[in-house]
């Protein structure tokens, strides 16, 4: 799957994510409407909490990889 340009996540798009109408792949750049910086999408928990790694101004792939691993461990796919 290809990554899209940075996706602006406003309240309507956030609702689409929660309803399952939109799915993002880990690593997709997003810009939360209520934040002043972009983030990398990690996932959505079963209770609807967004996990994302905010851009800190430096490239830190290990921190993102660890966050993705923690997410998969905490919320394994069902089925």
PDB file of N, CA and C in Angstrom:
ATOM      1  N   UNK A   1       0.845  -1.169   0.000  1.00  0.00           N
ATOM      2  CA  UNK A   1       0.000   0.000   0.000  1.00  0.00           C
ATOM      3  C   UNK A   1       0.896   1.240   0.000  1.00  0.00           C
ATOM      4  N   UNK A   2       0.521   2.221  -0.761  1.00  0.00           N
ATOM      5  CA  UNK A   2       1.296   3.455  -0.812  1.00  0.00           C
ATOM      6  C   UNK A   2       0.826   4.425   0.276  1.00  0.00           C
ATOM      7  N   UNK A   3       1.758   5.243   0.714  1.00  0.00           N
ATOM      8  CA  UNK A   3       1.405   6.282   1.666  1.00  0.00           C
ATOM      9  C   UNK A   3       0.814   7.462   0.898  1.00  0.00           C
ATOM     10  N   UNK A   4      -0.126   8.134   1.514  1.00  0.00           N
ATOM     11  CA  UNK A   4      -0.731   9.330   0.952  1.00  0.00           C
ATOM     12  C   UNK A   4       0.010  10.552   1.457  1.00  0.00           C
ATOM     13  N   UNK A   5      -0.174  11.699   0.802  1.00  0.00           N
ATOM     14  CA  UNK A   5       0.362  12.923   1.406  1.00  0.00           C
ATOM     15  C   UNK A   5      -0.244  13.096   2.803  1.00  0.00           C
ATOM     16  N   UNK A   6       0.339  13.942   3.609  1.00  0.00           N
ATOM     17  CA  UNK A   6      -0.135  14.148   4.982  1.00  0.00           C
ATOM     18  C   UNK A   6      -1.645  14.352   5.002  1.00  0.00           C
ATOM     19  N   UNK A   7      -2.325  13.597   5.867  1.00  0.00           N
ATOM     20  CA  UNK A   7      -3.779  13.655   5.989  1.00  0.00           C
ATOM     21  C   UNK A   7      -4.144  14.540   7.169  1.00  0.00           C
ATOM     22  N   UNK A   8      -5.001  15.530   6.911  1.00  0.00           N
ATOM     23  CA  UNK A   8      -5.476  16.400   7.984  1.00  0.00           C
ATOM     24  C   UNK A   8      -6.649  15.722   8.682  1.00  0.00           C
ATOM     25  N   UNK A   9      -6.470  15.432   9.967  1.00  0.00           N
ATOM     26  CA  UNK A   9      -7.502  14.743  10.743  1.00  0.00           C
ATOM     27  C   UNK A   9      -8.269  15.780  11.561  1.00  0.00           C
ATOM     28  N   UNK A  10      -9.478  16.079  11.092  1.00  0.00           N
ATOM     29  CA  UNK A  10     -10.370  16.962  11.830  1.00  0.00           C
ATOM     30  C   UNK A  10     -11.409  16.098  12.541  1.00  0.00           C
ATOM     31  N   UNK A  11     -12.405  16.708  13.139  1.00  0.00           N
ATOM     32  CA  UNK A  11     -13.402  15.934  13.892  1.00  0.00           C
ATOM     33  C   UNK A  11     -14.156  14.957  12.995  1.00  0.00           C
ATOM     34  N   UNK A  12     -14.505  15.373  11.763  1.00  0.00           N
ATOM     35  CA  UNK A  12     -15.251  14.489  10.860  1.00  0.00           C
ATOM     36  C   UNK A  12     -14.411  13.274  10.470  1.00  0.00           C
ATOM     37  N   UNK A  13     -13.137  13.483  10.169  1.00  0.00           N
ATOM     38  CA  UNK A  13     -12.265  12.371   9.799  1.00  0.00           C
ATOM     39  C   UNK A  13     -12.000  11.479  11.009  1.00  0.00           C
ATOM     40  N   UNK A  14     -11.924  12.073  12.169  1.00  0.00           N
ATOM     41  CA  UNK A  14     -11.741  11.299  13.397  1.00  0.00           C
ATOM     42  C   UNK A  14     -12.944  10.383  13.607  1.00  0.00           C
ATOM     43  N   UNK A  15     -14.143  10.876  13.350  1.00  0.00           N
ATOM     44  CA  UNK A  15     -15.353  10.051  13.462  1.00  0.00           C
ATOM     45  C   UNK A  15     -15.325   8.916  12.448  1.00  0.00           C
ATOM     46  N   UNK A  16     -14.850   9.176  11.223  1.00  0.00           N
ATOM     47  CA  UNK A  16     -14.753   8.134  10.200  1.00  0.00           C
ATOM     48  C   UNK A  16     -13.779   7.040  10.642  1.00  0.00           C
ATOM     49  N   UNK A  17     -12.692   7.420  11.291  1.00  0.00           N
ATOM     50  CA  UNK A  17     -11.746   6.441  11.818  1.00  0.00           C
ATOM     51  C   UNK A  17     -12.410   5.589  12.898  1.00  0.00           C
ATOM     52  N   UNK A  18     -13.142   6.224  13.791  1.00  0.00           N
ATOM     53  CA  UNK A  18     -13.804   5.507  14.880  1.00  0.00           C
ATOM     54  C   UNK A  18     -14.885   4.555  14.368  1.00  0.00           C
ATOM     55  N   UNK A  19     -15.592   4.941  13.304  1.00  0.00           N
ATOM     56  CA  UNK A  19     -16.645   4.092  12.744  1.00  0.00           C
ATOM     57  C   UNK A  19     -16.084   3.005  11.829  1.00  0.00           C
ATOM     58  N   UNK A  20     -14.782   3.074  11.525  1.00  0.00           N
ATOM     59  CA  UNK A  20     -14.185   2.076  10.647  1.00  0.00           C
ATOM     60  C   UNK A  20     -14.367   2.370   9.170  1.00  0.00           C
ATOM     61  N   UNK A  21     -14.840   3.559   8.838  1.00  0.00           N
ATOM     62  CA  UNK A  21     -15.026   3.954   7.445  1.00  0.00           C
ATOM     63  C   UNK A  21     -13.702   4.305   6.782  1.00  0.00           C
ATOM     64  N   UNK A  22     -12.710   4.586   7.576  1.00  0.00           N
ATOM     65  CA  UNK A  22     -11.374   4.925   7.083  1.00  0.00           C
ATOM     66  C   UNK A  22     -10.357   4.164   7.910  1.00  0.00           C
ATOM     67  N   UNK A  23      -9.395   3.579   7.229  1.00  0.00           N
ATOM     68  CA  UNK A  23      -8.299   2.881   7.916  1.00  0.00           C
ATOM     69  C   UNK A  23      -6.996   3.457   7.393  1.00  0.00           C
ATOM     70  N   UNK A  24      -6.065   3.677   8.304  1.00  0.00           N
ATOM     71  CA  UNK A  24      -4.753   4.192   7.931  1.00  0.00           C
ATOM     72  C   UNK A  24      -3.700   3.146   8.259  1.00  0.00           C
ATOM     73  N   UNK A  25      -2.643   3.125   7.488  1.00  0.00           N
ATOM     74  CA  UNK A  25      -1.570   2.188   7.768  1.00  0.00           C
ATOM     75  C   UNK A  25      -0.539   2.862   8.685  1.00  0.00           C
ATOM     76  N   UNK A  26       0.089   2.081   9.565  1.00  0.00           N
ATOM     77  CA  UNK A  26       1.111   2.644  10.437  1.00  0.00           C
ATOM     78  C   UNK A  26       2.193   3.331   9.612  1.00  0.00           C
ATOM     79  N   UNK A  27       2.585   4.509  10.075  1.00  0.00           N
ATOM     80  CA  UNK A  27       3.612   5.279   9.393  1.00  0.00           C
ATOM     81  C   UNK A  27       3.058   6.403   8.542  1.00  0.00           C
ATOM     82  N   UNK A  28       1.744   6.381   8.278  1.00  0.00           N
ATOM     83  CA  UNK A  28       1.124   7.445   7.488  1.00  0.00           C
ATOM     84  C   UNK A  28       1.241   8.764   8.261  1.00  0.00           C
ATOM     85  N   UNK A  29       1.706   9.809   7.576  1.00  0.00           N
ATOM     86  CA  UNK A  29       1.778  11.119   8.222  1.00  0.00           C
ATOM     87  C   UNK A  29       0.376  11.686   8.332  1.00  0.00           C
ATOM     88  N   UNK A  30       0.050  12.188   9.526  1.00  0.00           N
ATOM     89  CA  UNK A  30      -1.227  12.843   9.763  1.00  0.00           C
ATOM     90  C   UNK A  30      -0.967  14.191  10.424  1.00  0.00           C
ATOM     91  N   UNK A  31      -1.928  15.080  10.314  1.00  0.00           N
ATOM     92  CA  UNK A  31      -1.870  16.375  11.007  1.00  0.00           C
ATOM     93  C   UNK A  31      -3.192  16.520  11.744  1.00  0.00           C
ATOM     94  N   UNK A  32      -3.135  16.377  13.059  1.00  0.00           N
ATOM     95  CA  UNK A  32      -4.341  16.502  13.882  1.00  0.00           C
ATOM     96  C   UNK A  32      -4.765  17.968  13.933  1.00  0.00           C
ATOM     97  N   UNK A  33      -6.042  18.226  13.732  1.00  0.00           N
ATOM     98  CA  UNK A  33      -6.546  19.599  13.697  1.00  0.00           C
ATOM     99  C   UNK A  33      -6.264  20.345  14.999  1.00  0.00           C
ATOM    100  N   UNK A  34      -6.162  19.617  16.100  1.00  0.00           N
ATOM    101  CA  UNK A  34      -5.963  20.236  17.408  1.00  0.00           C
ATOM    102  C   UNK A  34      -4.495  20.247  17.840  1.00  0.00           C
ATOM    103  N   UNK A  35      -3.582  19.978  16.897  1.00  0.00           N
ATOM    104  CA  UNK A  35      -2.149  19.972  17.200  1.00  0.00           C
ATOM    105  C   UNK A  35      -1.420  20.905  16.243  1.00  0.00           C
ATOM    106  N   UNK A  36      -0.270  21.396  16.662  1.00  0.00           N
ATOM    107  CA  UNK A  36       0.487  22.316  15.809  1.00  0.00           C
ATOM    108  C   UNK A  36       1.603  21.620  15.028  1.00  0.00           C
ATOM    109  N   UNK A  37       1.672  20.280  15.097  1.00  0.00           N
ATOM    110  CA  UNK A  37       2.700  19.564  14.342  1.00  0.00           C
ATOM    111  C   UNK A  37       2.143  18.266  13.796  1.00  0.00           C
ATOM    112  N   UNK A  38       2.839  17.737  12.804  1.00  0.00           N
ATOM    113  CA  UNK A  38       2.346  16.494  12.234  1.00  0.00           C
ATOM    114  C   UNK A  38       2.848  15.303  13.043  1.00  0.00           C
ATOM    115  N   UNK A  39       2.204  14.169  12.786  1.00  0.00           N
ATOM    116  CA  UNK A  39       2.474  12.946  13.542  1.00  0.00           C
ATOM    117  C   UNK A  39       2.465  11.761  12.589  1.00  0.00           C
ATOM    118  N   UNK A  40       3.018  10.648  13.043  1.00  0.00           N
ATOM    119  CA  UNK A  40       2.946   9.403  12.288  1.00  0.00           C
ATOM    120  C   UNK A  40       1.916   8.504  12.948  1.00  0.00           C
ATOM    121  N   UNK A  41       0.967   8.045  12.149  1.00  0.00           N
ATOM    122  CA  UNK A  41      -0.112   7.191  12.623  1.00  0.00           C
ATOM    123  C   UNK A  41       0.443   5.861  13.097  1.00  0.00           C
ATOM    124  N   UNK A  42      -0.030   5.408  14.255  1.00  0.00           N
ATOM    125  CA  UNK A  42       0.322   4.091  14.790  1.00  0.00           C
ATOM    126  C   UNK A  42      -0.908   3.194  14.748  1.00  0.00           C
ATOM    127  N   UNK A  43      -2.022   3.647  15.299  1.00  0.00           N
ATOM    128  CA  UNK A  43      -3.225   2.839  15.283  1.00  0.00           C
ATOM    129  C   UNK A  43      -4.328   3.444  16.124  1.00  0.00           C
ATOM    130  N   UNK A  44      -5.437   2.714  16.157  1.00  0.00           N
ATOM    131  CA  UNK A  44      -6.613   3.108  16.921  1.00  0.00           C
ATOM    132  C   UNK A  44      -6.950   1.956  17.855  1.00  0.00           C
ATOM    133  N   UNK A  45      -7.045   2.233  19.143  1.00  0.00           N
ATOM    134  CA  UNK A  45      -7.346   1.184  20.117  1.00  0.00           C
ATOM    135  C   UNK A  45      -8.818   0.772  20.007  1.00  0.00           C
ATOM    136  N   UNK A  46      -9.177  -0.380  20.564  1.00  0.00           N
ATOM    137  CA  UNK A  46     -10.579  -0.807  20.525  1.00  0.00           C
ATOM    138  C   UNK A  46     -11.546   0.204  21.154  1.00  0.00           C
ATOM    139  N   UNK A  47     -11.074   0.986  22.122  1.00  0.00           N
ATOM    140  CA  UNK A  47     -11.962   1.985  22.722  1.00  0.00           C
ATOM    141  C   UNK A  47     -11.897   3.340  22.022  1.00  0.00           C
ATOM    142  N   UNK A  48     -11.137   3.424  20.914  1.00  0.00           N
ATOM    143  CA  UNK A  48     -11.133   4.627  20.084  1.00  0.00           C
ATOM    144  C   UNK A  48     -10.029   5.630  20.345  1.00  0.00           C
ATOM    145  N   UNK A  49      -9.040   5.268  21.122  1.00  0.00           N
ATOM    146  CA  UNK A  49      -7.927   6.177  21.384  1.00  0.00           C
ATOM    147  C   UNK A  49      -6.931   6.138  20.217  1.00  0.00           C
ATOM    148  N   UNK A  50      -6.551   7.304  19.746  1.00  0.00           N
ATOM    149  CA  UNK A  50      -5.588   7.410  18.655  1.00  0.00           C
ATOM    150  C   UNK A  50      -4.179   7.300  19.216  1.00  0.00           C
ATOM    151  N   UNK A  51      -3.380   6.422  18.604  1.00  0.00           N
ATOM    152  CA  UNK A  51      -1.962   6.336  18.923  1.00  0.00           C
ATOM    153  C   UNK A  51      -1.202   6.930  17.743  1.00  0.00           C
ATOM    154  N   UNK A  52      -0.360   7.910  18.028  1.00  0.00           N
ATOM    155  CA  UNK A  52       0.453   8.537  16.988  1.00  0.00           C
ATOM    156  C   UNK A  52       1.743   9.032  17.620  1.00  0.00           C
ATOM    157  N   UNK A  53       2.778   9.092  16.808  1.00  0.00           N
ATOM    158  CA  UNK A  53       4.075   9.605  17.266  1.00  0.00           C
ATOM    159  C   UNK A  53       4.233  11.002  16.705  1.00  0.00           C
ATOM    160  N   UNK A  54       4.277  11.994  17.583  1.00  0.00           N
ATOM    161  CA  UNK A  54       4.411  13.383  17.153  1.00  0.00           C
ATOM    162  C   UNK A  54       5.836  13.675  16.693  1.00  0.00           C
ATOM    163  N   UNK A  55       5.942  14.466  15.649  1.00  0.00           N
ATOM    164  CA  UNK A  55       7.235  14.860  15.114  1.00  0.00           C
ATOM    165  C   UNK A  55       7.948  15.752  16.120  1.00  0.00           C
ATOM    166  N   UNK A  56       9.174  15.380  16.443  1.00  0.00           N
ATOM    167  CA  UNK A  56       9.942  16.125  17.446  1.00  0.00           C
ATOM    168  C   UNK A  56      11.008  17.016  16.815  1.00  0.00           C
ATOM    169  N   UNK A  57      11.133  16.961  15.504  1.00  0.00           N
ATOM    170  CA  UNK A  57      12.146  17.756  14.826  1.00  0.00           C
ATOM    171  C   UNK A  57      13.390  16.964  14.488  1.00  0.00           C
ATOM    172  N   UNK A  58      13.457  15.717  14.935  1.00  0.00           N
ATOM    173  CA  UNK A  58      14.597  14.879  14.584  1.00  0.00           C
ATOM    174  C   UNK A  58      14.107  13.499  14.162  1.00  0.00           C
ATOM    175  N   UNK A  59      14.831  12.883  13.279  1.00  0.00           N
ATOM    176  CA  UNK A  59      14.479  11.571  12.761  1.00  0.00           C
ATOM    177  C   UNK A  59      14.859  10.520  13.805  1.00  0.00           C
ATOM    178  N   UNK A  60      13.852   9.785  14.297  1.00  0.00           N
ATOM    179  CA  UNK A  60      14.085   8.771  15.324  1.00  0.00           C
ATOM    180  C   UNK A  60      13.269   7.520  14.992  1.00  0.00           C
ATOM    181  N   UNK A  61      13.717   6.749  13.975  1.00  0.00           N
ATOM    182  CA  UNK A  61      12.933   5.577  13.559  1.00  0.00           C
ATOM    183  C   UNK A  61      12.804   4.515  14.643  1.00  0.00           C
ATOM    184  N   UNK A  62      13.776   4.408  15.523  1.00  0.00           N
ATOM    185  CA  UNK A  62      13.724   3.391  16.575  1.00  0.00           C
ATOM    186  C   UNK A  62      12.571   3.673  17.537  1.00  0.00           C
ATOM    187  N   UNK A  63      12.352   4.933  17.868  1.00  0.00           N
ATOM    188  CA  UNK A  63      11.253   5.280  18.775  1.00  0.00           C
ATOM    189  C   UNK A  63       9.907   4.950  18.134  1.00  0.00           C
ATOM    190  N   UNK A  64       9.765   5.222  16.834  1.00  0.00           N
ATOM    191  CA  UNK A  64       8.513   4.894  16.152  1.00  0.00           C
ATOM    192  C   UNK A  64       8.312   3.380  16.085  1.00  0.00           C
ATOM    193  N   UNK A  65       9.359   2.645  15.762  1.00  0.00           N
ATOM    194  CA  UNK A  65       9.285   1.184  15.700  1.00  0.00           C
ATOM    195  C   UNK A  65       8.889   0.610  17.057  1.00  0.00           C
ATOM    196  N   UNK A  66       9.474   1.123  18.124  1.00  0.00           N
ATOM    197  CA  UNK A  66       9.133   0.657  19.482  1.00  0.00           C
ATOM    198  C   UNK A  66       7.674   0.953  19.817  1.00  0.00           C
ATOM    199  N   UNK A  67       7.200   2.119  19.429  1.00  0.00           N
ATOM    200  CA  UNK A  67       5.811   2.475  19.693  1.00  0.00           C
ATOM    201  C   UNK A  67       4.865   1.533  18.938  1.00  0.00           C
ATOM    202  N   UNK A  68       5.177   1.228  17.675  1.00  0.00           N
ATOM    203  CA  UNK A  68       4.363   0.290  16.894  1.00  0.00           C
ATOM    204  C   UNK A  68       4.372  -1.098  17.535  1.00  0.00           C
ATOM    205  N   UNK A  69       5.522  -1.535  18.000  1.00  0.00           N
ATOM    206  CA  UNK A  69       5.625  -2.838  18.654  1.00  0.00           C
ATOM    207  C   UNK A  69       4.781  -2.849  19.933  1.00  0.00           C
ATOM    208  N   UNK A  70       4.860  -1.799  20.713  1.00  0.00           N
ATOM    209  CA  UNK A  70       4.067  -1.710  21.942  1.00  0.00           C
ATOM    210  C   UNK A  70       2.568  -1.724  21.632  1.00  0.00           C
ATOM    211  N   UNK A  71       2.188  -1.053  20.559  1.00  0.00           N
ATOM    212  CA  UNK A  71       0.786  -1.026  20.172  1.00  0.00           C
ATOM    213  C   UNK A  71       0.314  -2.435  19.786  1.00  0.00           C
ATOM    214  N   UNK A  72       1.074  -3.115  18.945  1.00  0.00           N
ATOM    215  CA  UNK A  72       0.696  -4.469  18.504  1.00  0.00           C
ATOM    216  C   UNK A  72       0.634  -5.442  19.671  1.00  0.00           C
ATOM    217  N   UNK A  73       1.534  -5.263  20.662  1.00  0.00           N
ATOM    218  CA  UNK A  73       1.534  -6.124  21.846  1.00  0.00           C
ATOM    219  C   UNK A  73       0.326  -5.837  22.727  1.00  0.00           C
ATOM    220  N   UNK A  74       0.004  -4.577  22.869  1.00  0.00           N
ATOM    221  CA  UNK A  74      -1.112  -4.178  23.736  1.00  0.00           C
ATOM    222  C   UNK A  74      -2.465  -4.452  23.111  1.00  0.00           C
ATOM    223  N   UNK A  75      -2.544  -4.347  21.773  1.00  0.00           N
ATOM    224  CA  UNK A  75      -3.822  -4.490  21.074  1.00  0.00           C
ATOM    225  C   UNK A  75      -3.650  -5.419  19.867  1.00  0.00           C
ATOM    226  N   UNK A  76      -3.447  -6.717  20.129  1.00  0.00           N
ATOM    227  CA  UNK A  76      -3.251  -7.647  19.001  1.00  0.00           C
ATOM    228  C   UNK A  76      -4.501  -7.724  18.132  1.00  0.00           C
ATOM    229  N   UNK A  77      -4.301  -7.962  16.843  1.00  0.00           N
ATOM    230  CA  UNK A  77      -5.418  -8.095  15.927  1.00  0.00           C
ATOM    231  C   UNK A  77      -6.249  -9.316  16.296  1.00  0.00           C
ATOM    232  N   UNK A  78      -7.549  -9.177  16.200  1.00  0.00           N
ATOM    233  CA  UNK A  78      -8.442 -10.299  16.480  1.00  0.00           C
ATOM    234  C   UNK A  78      -8.656 -11.105  15.209  1.00  0.00           C
ATOM    235  N   UNK A  79      -8.839 -12.405  15.364  1.00  0.00           N
ATOM    236  CA  UNK A  79      -9.116 -13.246  14.194  1.00  0.00           C
ATOM    237  C   UNK A  79      -7.888 -13.779  13.675  1.00  0.00           C
TER     238      UNK A  79
END
